[in-house]
């Protein structure tokens, strides 16, 4: 080979190295520079997505600008096998390397589902069935009062049955924690009876400050052998908790026998009428001490309490006047 040819080949090789180095430098700069999106983006990556699928999804969402550079950068770093599937949130202007790190760490978007106090188990299941991002059907309706109302966190694709099991476990844990610390001489033979009364208290008032007081009234009545005469138990006996009654209670409703109608039965009903929250359970285990035996709505969202039936009748008359004044 002539010296001239050797110099020519060396020059071509050197040019190739320079070009390759320049391409690598450009690619590295693209891989690490801020990305094109001006706002946070959420991208859902299905299980089994290939690296090409991931790159294209990120590009379509505007997270990255050069899918090929992303794929090369991930492969050169040996990170292709470590990318996770799921729903991810990418901050504004995140680099391709930063996006890759989010997928490697697998920190998916966390959703929140709040179960309000006082829903029936049927209503909780309906809420779960309507919640986007969860999968799977619920085979059986949980027993009333076995689900703890609170806020639960989940990721896209989580099983509804798993979330429901967490609610059951949370209720069991709450009862196991609160029951041993209860006040002495309460008229409950077991935690389940306390749960039954807690569900009634939950349905009777939405005011946190009233829960211990209303619990005290019911416990006073239980101790004296008086019927609880709670309107929500009548409603539950008529509807089974599946849906609201849709009208005001009538006198004949109070007289209609169901196992839950505490105007007709003595003591506690056979089971909870709703899923009570922790505060309602705590209220019946630590009720307000008083001689009160009656309460009625006061027309302002709370209740008027009484120790005698004569006082209670005056409170009822006052409530009826307030109700009449509001009606057209």
Protein backbone atom coordinates (compact mmCIF):
# COMPACT_ATOMS: atom_id res chain seq x y z
CA UNK A 1 0.00 0.00 0.00
CA UNK A 2 1.46 3.38 -0.99
CA UNK A 3 2.12 6.03 1.59
CA UNK A 4 -0.46 8.24 -0.12
CA UNK A 5 -3.15 5.56 0.25
CA UNK A 6 -2.21 5.00 3.88
CA UNK A 7 -2.53 8.71 4.61
CA UNK A 8 -5.89 8.76 2.81
CA UNK A 9 -7.21 5.80 4.81
CA UNK A 10 -5.95 7.30 8.05
CA UNK A 11 -7.67 10.55 7.22
CA UNK A 12 -10.96 8.81 6.49
CA UNK A 13 -10.71 6.85 9.77
CA UNK A 14 -9.89 9.98 11.71
CA UNK A 15 -12.79 11.82 10.09
CA UNK A 16 -15.07 8.92 11.03
CA UNK A 17 -13.92 9.10 14.64
CA UNK A 18 -14.50 12.85 14.73
CA UNK A 19 -17.94 12.43 13.14
CA UNK A 20 -18.83 9.64 15.51
CA UNK A 21 -17.62 11.68 18.44
CA UNK A 22 -19.66 14.61 17.26
CA UNK A 23 -22.77 12.47 16.88
CA UNK A 24 -22.23 11.00 20.33
CA UNK A 25 -21.77 14.47 21.80
CA UNK A 26 -24.92 15.70 20.09
CA UNK A 27 -26.87 12.64 21.20
CA UNK A 28 -25.65 12.94 24.78
CA UNK A 29 -26.58 16.62 24.82
CA UNK A 30 -30.06 15.78 23.54
CA UNK A 31 -30.41 12.96 26.08
CA UNK A 32 -29.57 15.19 29.04
CA UNK A 33 -30.94 18.60 28.01
CA UNK A 34 -34.36 19.89 29.25
CA UNK A 35 -37.28 18.37 27.39
CA UNK A 36 -39.87 20.11 25.21
CA UNK A 37 -42.96 19.96 27.46
CA UNK A 38 -43.86 23.17 29.28
CA UNK A 39 -46.26 21.44 31.68
CA UNK A 40 -46.35 18.20 33.64
CA UNK A 41 -47.49 15.23 31.57
CA UNK A 42 -49.06 11.94 32.63
CA UNK A 43 -48.39 8.90 30.43
CA UNK A 44 -49.83 5.41 30.77
CA UNK A 45 -47.47 2.65 29.66
CA UNK A 46 -49.09 -0.75 29.29
CA UNK A 47 -47.48 -3.92 30.58
CA UNK A 48 -45.33 -5.58 27.94
CA UNK A 49 -44.49 -2.30 26.17
CA UNK A 50 -41.24 -2.51 24.22
CA UNK A 51 -38.57 0.18 24.39
CA UNK A 52 -39.79 1.44 21.03
CA UNK A 53 -43.39 1.56 22.31
CA UNK A 54 -42.25 3.52 25.36
CA UNK A 55 -40.23 5.99 23.30
CA UNK A 56 -43.11 6.58 20.91
CA UNK A 57 -45.60 7.05 23.77
CA UNK A 58 -43.33 9.63 25.42
CA UNK A 59 -42.89 11.44 22.11
CA UNK A 60 -46.64 11.50 21.39
CA UNK A 61 -47.24 12.93 24.87
CA UNK A 62 -44.63 15.63 24.24
CA UNK A 63 -42.29 14.46 27.01
CA UNK A 64 -39.38 13.80 24.62
CA UNK A 65 -38.56 15.09 21.15
CA UNK A 66 -36.30 12.41 19.66
CA UNK A 67 -37.53 8.81 20.24
CA UNK A 68 -34.49 7.34 18.50
CA UNK A 69 -32.07 9.24 20.73
CA UNK A 70 -34.04 8.05 23.78
CA UNK A 71 -33.82 4.43 22.64
CA UNK A 72 -30.10 4.65 21.90
CA UNK A 73 -29.35 6.39 25.19
CA UNK A 74 -31.30 3.81 27.18
CA UNK A 75 -29.64 0.89 25.39
CA UNK A 76 -26.14 2.33 25.68
CA UNK A 77 -26.65 2.78 29.41
CA UNK A 78 -27.89 -0.82 29.79
CA UNK A 79 -31.21 0.35 31.24
CA UNK A 80 -33.66 -1.15 28.73
CA UNK A 81 -34.63 -4.11 30.93
CA UNK A 82 -35.25 -1.94 33.98
CA UNK A 83 -38.05 0.24 32.64
CA UNK A 84 -41.40 -0.28 34.40
CA UNK A 85 -44.97 -0.18 33.13
CA UNK A 86 -47.71 1.89 34.72
CA UNK A 87 -49.00 5.44 34.92
CA UNK A 88 -46.23 8.01 35.35
CA UNK A 89 -46.14 11.78 35.80
CA UNK A 90 -43.27 13.60 34.10
CA UNK A 91 -42.45 17.13 35.29
CA UNK A 92 -42.24 20.02 32.83
CA UNK A 93 -38.99 20.18 30.84
CA UNK A 94 -37.73 16.87 32.17
CA UNK A 95 -34.81 15.49 30.18
CA UNK A 96 -34.84 12.14 28.43
CA UNK A 97 -32.45 10.85 31.07
CA UNK A 98 -34.78 12.12 33.81
CA UNK A 99 -37.76 10.44 32.13
CA UNK A 100 -35.77 7.22 31.95
CA UNK A 101 -34.94 7.45 35.68
CA UNK A 102 -38.63 7.86 36.54
CA UNK A 103 -39.42 4.69 34.57
CA UNK A 104 -36.54 2.83 36.22
CA UNK A 105 -37.64 3.79 39.74
CA UNK A 106 -41.21 2.76 38.96
CA UNK A 107 -42.79 5.56 41.01
CA UNK A 108 -46.27 5.54 39.51
CA UNK A 109 -48.98 8.18 39.89
CA UNK A 110 -50.80 7.78 43.21
CA UNK A 111 -54.59 8.23 43.12
CA UNK A 112 -56.82 8.92 46.11
CA UNK A 113 -60.26 7.44 46.76
CA UNK A 114 -62.21 8.81 49.72
CA UNK A 115 -64.95 6.62 51.19
CA UNK A 116 -67.34 8.91 53.12
CA UNK A 117 -68.59 7.85 56.53
CA UNK A 118 -72.02 6.32 56.69
CA UNK A 119 -72.22 4.64 53.27
CA UNK A 120 -73.70 1.18 53.05
CA UNK A 121 -71.51 -1.62 51.72
CA UNK A 122 -73.56 -1.59 48.52
CA UNK A 123 -72.82 2.10 48.05
CA UNK A 124 -69.10 1.53 48.66
CA UNK A 125 -69.03 -1.25 46.05
CA UNK A 126 -70.87 1.00 43.58
CA UNK A 127 -68.30 3.74 44.20
CA UNK A 128 -65.44 1.30 43.61
CA UNK A 129 -67.06 0.03 40.42
CA UNK A 130 -67.25 3.57 39.05
CA UNK A 131 -63.67 4.52 40.00
CA UNK A 132 -61.46 4.94 36.95
CA UNK A 133 -58.09 3.21 36.89
CA UNK A 134 -59.09 0.17 38.94
CA UNK A 135 -59.65 -3.22 37.34
CA UNK A 136 -61.57 -6.37 38.10
CA UNK A 137 -65.09 -7.10 39.30
CA UNK A 138 -66.25 -7.62 42.87
CA UNK A 139 -67.76 -11.04 43.27
CA UNK A 140 -69.60 -10.63 46.57
CA UNK A 141 -71.07 -7.79 48.61
CA UNK A 142 -69.17 -7.33 51.90
CA UNK A 143 -71.13 -7.53 55.11
CA UNK A 144 -72.50 -4.22 56.37
CA UNK A 145 -70.16 -2.36 58.71
CA UNK A 146 -67.00 -4.25 57.69
CA UNK A 147 -65.42 -1.45 55.59
CA UNK A 148 -63.63 1.49 57.19
CA UNK A 149 -64.43 4.87 55.60
CA UNK A 150 -61.25 6.86 54.98
CA UNK A 151 -58.99 7.92 52.08
CA UNK A 152 -57.22 5.11 50.27
CA UNK A 153 -54.34 5.42 47.81
CA UNK A 154 -53.99 3.27 44.71
CA UNK A 155 -52.15 3.10 41.40
CA UNK A 156 -53.60 2.66 37.93
CA UNK A 157 -54.37 -0.99 37.31
CA UNK A 158 -54.78 -2.01 40.95
CA UNK A 159 -57.46 -4.62 41.66
CA UNK A 160 -60.78 -3.48 43.11
CA UNK A 161 -60.88 -6.62 45.23
CA UNK A 162 -57.48 -5.79 46.74
CA UNK A 163 -58.61 -2.26 47.64
CA UNK A 164 -61.80 -3.65 49.19
CA UNK A 165 -59.71 -6.11 51.23
CA UNK A 166 -57.64 -3.17 52.51
CA UNK A 167 -60.85 -1.48 53.70
CA UNK A 168 -61.86 -4.64 55.56
CA UNK A 169 -58.44 -4.97 57.15
CA UNK A 170 -58.53 -1.31 58.18
CA UNK A 171 -61.88 -1.80 59.94
CA UNK A 172 -60.64 -4.91 61.73
CA UNK A 173 -57.50 -3.09 62.86
CA UNK A 174 -59.49 -0.06 64.04
CA UNK A 175 -61.86 -2.18 66.12
CA UNK A 176 -59.00 -4.20 67.57
CA UNK A 177 -57.24 -0.98 68.56
CA UNK A 178 -60.19 0.94 70.02
CA UNK A 179 -62.11 -1.84 71.78
CA UNK A 180 -59.58 -2.59 74.56
CA UNK A 181 -59.42 1.11 75.53
CA UNK A 182 -63.21 1.51 75.87
CA UNK A 183 -64.92 3.01 78.89
CA UNK A 184 -65.99 0.59 81.58
CA UNK A 185 -69.55 -0.75 82.04
CA UNK A 186 -70.74 -0.15 78.49
CA UNK A 187 -73.75 -2.25 77.44
CA UNK A 188 -71.82 -4.13 74.74
CA UNK A 189 -71.01 -7.83 74.91
CA UNK A 190 -68.50 -7.61 72.04
CA UNK A 191 -66.98 -5.16 69.52
CA UNK A 192 -69.61 -6.06 66.93
CA UNK A 193 -72.36 -4.59 69.13
CA UNK A 194 -70.38 -1.38 69.51
CA UNK A 195 -70.05 -1.29 65.71
CA UNK A 196 -73.82 -1.61 65.33
CA UNK A 197 -74.44 1.40 67.55
CA UNK A 198 -71.60 3.36 65.91
CA UNK A 199 -73.33 2.95 62.54
CA UNK A 200 -76.56 4.38 64.01
CA UNK A 201 -74.69 7.32 65.52
CA UNK A 202 -72.97 7.89 62.17
CA UNK A 203 -76.31 8.13 60.38
CA UNK A 204 -77.93 10.32 63.04
CA UNK A 205 -75.51 13.26 62.83
CA UNK A 206 -72.90 14.75 60.53
CA UNK A 207 -71.52 17.00 63.29
CA UNK A 208 -68.36 15.54 64.88
CA UNK A 209 -68.98 17.30 68.18
CA UNK A 210 -72.41 15.65 68.53
CA UNK A 211 -71.31 12.04 68.08
CA UNK A 212 -70.31 11.36 71.73
CA UNK A 213 -73.45 13.11 72.98
CA UNK A 214 -75.80 11.14 70.73
CA UNK A 215 -73.91 7.96 71.62
CA UNK A 216 -74.52 8.81 75.29
CA UNK A 217 -78.26 9.18 74.69
CA UNK A 218 -78.51 5.78 73.02
CA UNK A 219 -76.43 4.10 75.71
CA UNK A 220 -78.65 5.65 78.40
CA UNK A 221 -81.69 4.22 76.62
CA UNK A 222 -80.08 0.78 76.29
CA UNK A 223 -79.29 0.73 80.00
CA UNK A 224 -82.90 1.59 80.87
CA UNK A 225 -84.38 -0.94 78.48
CA UNK A 226 -85.87 1.81 76.30
CA UNK A 227 -86.17 1.34 72.55
CA UNK A 228 -83.64 3.34 70.54
CA UNK A 229 -86.29 4.80 68.19
CA UNK A 230 -83.75 5.82 65.56
CA UNK A 231 -85.16 6.95 62.20
CA UNK A 232 -82.13 5.75 60.15
CA UNK A 233 -82.78 2.18 61.32
CA UNK A 234 -86.32 2.44 59.95
CA UNK A 235 -84.98 3.66 56.60
CA UNK A 236 -82.45 0.83 56.44
CA UNK A 237 -85.14 -1.73 57.17
CA UNK A 238 -87.18 -0.37 54.26
CA UNK A 239 -84.39 0.01 51.70
CA UNK A 240 -81.67 -2.43 52.77
CA UNK A 241 -79.17 0.39 52.41
CA UNK A 242 -79.00 0.10 48.65
CA UNK A 243 -80.37 3.56 47.95
CA UNK A 244 -81.98 6.51 49.75
CA UNK A 245 -85.63 6.24 50.68
CA UNK A 246 -86.39 9.23 48.47
CA UNK A 247 -89.08 10.68 50.72
CA UNK A 248 -89.70 11.66 54.29
CA UNK A 249 -90.57 8.96 56.80
CA UNK A 250 -94.26 8.55 57.54
CA UNK A 251 -95.93 7.43 60.76
CA UNK A 252 -96.90 4.12 59.17
CA UNK A 253 -93.19 3.55 58.36
CA UNK A 254 -92.38 3.80 62.05
CA UNK A 255 -95.04 1.23 62.82
CA UNK A 256 -93.99 -1.20 60.09
CA UNK A 257 -92.03 -4.16 61.44
CA UNK A 258 -88.57 -4.97 60.11
CA UNK A 259 -85.71 -6.53 62.09
CA UNK A 260 -83.98 -3.13 61.97
CA UNK A 261 -86.88 -0.90 63.03
CA UNK A 262 -85.83 0.24 66.50
CA UNK A 263 -89.31 1.68 67.08
CA UNK A 264 -90.56 -1.92 67.00
CA UNK A 265 -87.66 -3.99 68.34
CA UNK A 266 -85.91 -3.78 71.70
CA UNK A 267 -82.17 -3.25 71.94
CA UNK A 268 -79.81 -3.15 68.99
CA UNK A 269 -80.75 -4.24 65.46
CA UNK A 270 -79.20 -7.49 64.17
CA UNK A 271 -76.38 -5.74 62.34
CA UNK A 272 -74.92 -2.37 61.31
CA UNK A 273 -76.96 -0.12 59.03
CA UNK A 274 -73.87 1.50 57.48
CA UNK A 275 -70.08 1.61 57.61
CA UNK A 276 -69.17 3.97 60.47
CA UNK A 277 -65.94 5.92 60.63
CA UNK A 278 -63.32 5.76 63.34
CA UNK A 279 -64.74 8.84 65.12
CA UNK A 280 -68.21 7.30 65.45
CA UNK A 281 -66.75 4.06 66.80
CA UNK A 282 -64.66 6.01 69.27
CA UNK A 283 -67.77 7.99 70.30
CA UNK A 284 -69.74 4.91 71.35
CA UNK A 285 -66.74 3.53 73.22
CA UNK A 286 -66.25 6.86 75.03
CA UNK A 287 -69.74 8.40 75.15
CA UNK A 288 -70.63 11.66 76.80
CA UNK A 289 -71.89 11.08 80.34
CA UNK A 290 -75.30 12.67 80.89
CA UNK A 291 -78.91 11.92 81.88
CA UNK A 292 -80.21 12.77 78.40
CA UNK A 293 -82.66 10.34 76.81
CA UNK A 294 -83.99 12.24 73.80
CA UNK A 295 -82.85 14.38 70.88
CA UNK A 296 -84.49 15.91 67.84
CA UNK A 297 -83.30 18.09 64.96
CA UNK A 298 -83.09 21.76 65.92
CA UNK A 299 -83.55 23.13 62.41
CA UNK A 300 -79.99 24.42 62.09
CA UNK A 301 -78.19 21.18 61.28
CA UNK A 302 -77.73 20.06 64.87
CA UNK A 303 -79.95 18.58 67.55
CA UNK A 304 -81.76 19.66 70.69
CA UNK A 305 -81.33 17.28 73.63
CA UNK A 306 -83.61 16.56 76.58
CA UNK A 307 -83.62 14.57 79.78
CA UNK A 308 -87.40 14.28 80.09
CA UNK A 309 -90.15 13.51 77.62
CA UNK A 310 -91.86 16.85 78.41
CA UNK A 311 -88.67 18.72 77.41
CA UNK A 312 -88.42 16.57 74.31
CA UNK A 313 -91.99 17.40 73.27
CA UNK A 314 -91.21 21.10 73.55
CA UNK A 315 -88.12 20.61 71.39
CA UNK A 316 -90.16 18.70 68.82
CA UNK A 317 -92.77 21.49 68.71
CA UNK A 318 -89.99 24.05 68.23
CA UNK A 319 -88.52 22.03 65.38
CA UNK A 320 -91.91 21.72 63.69
CA UNK A 321 -92.44 25.47 63.87
CA UNK A 322 -88.99 26.08 62.38
CA UNK A 323 -89.70 23.57 59.62
CA UNK A 324 -93.07 25.18 58.83
CA UNK A 325 -91.46 28.62 58.66
CA UNK A 326 -89.00 27.38 56.02
CA UNK A 327 -91.62 25.75 53.83
CA UNK A 328 -93.25 27.89 51.11
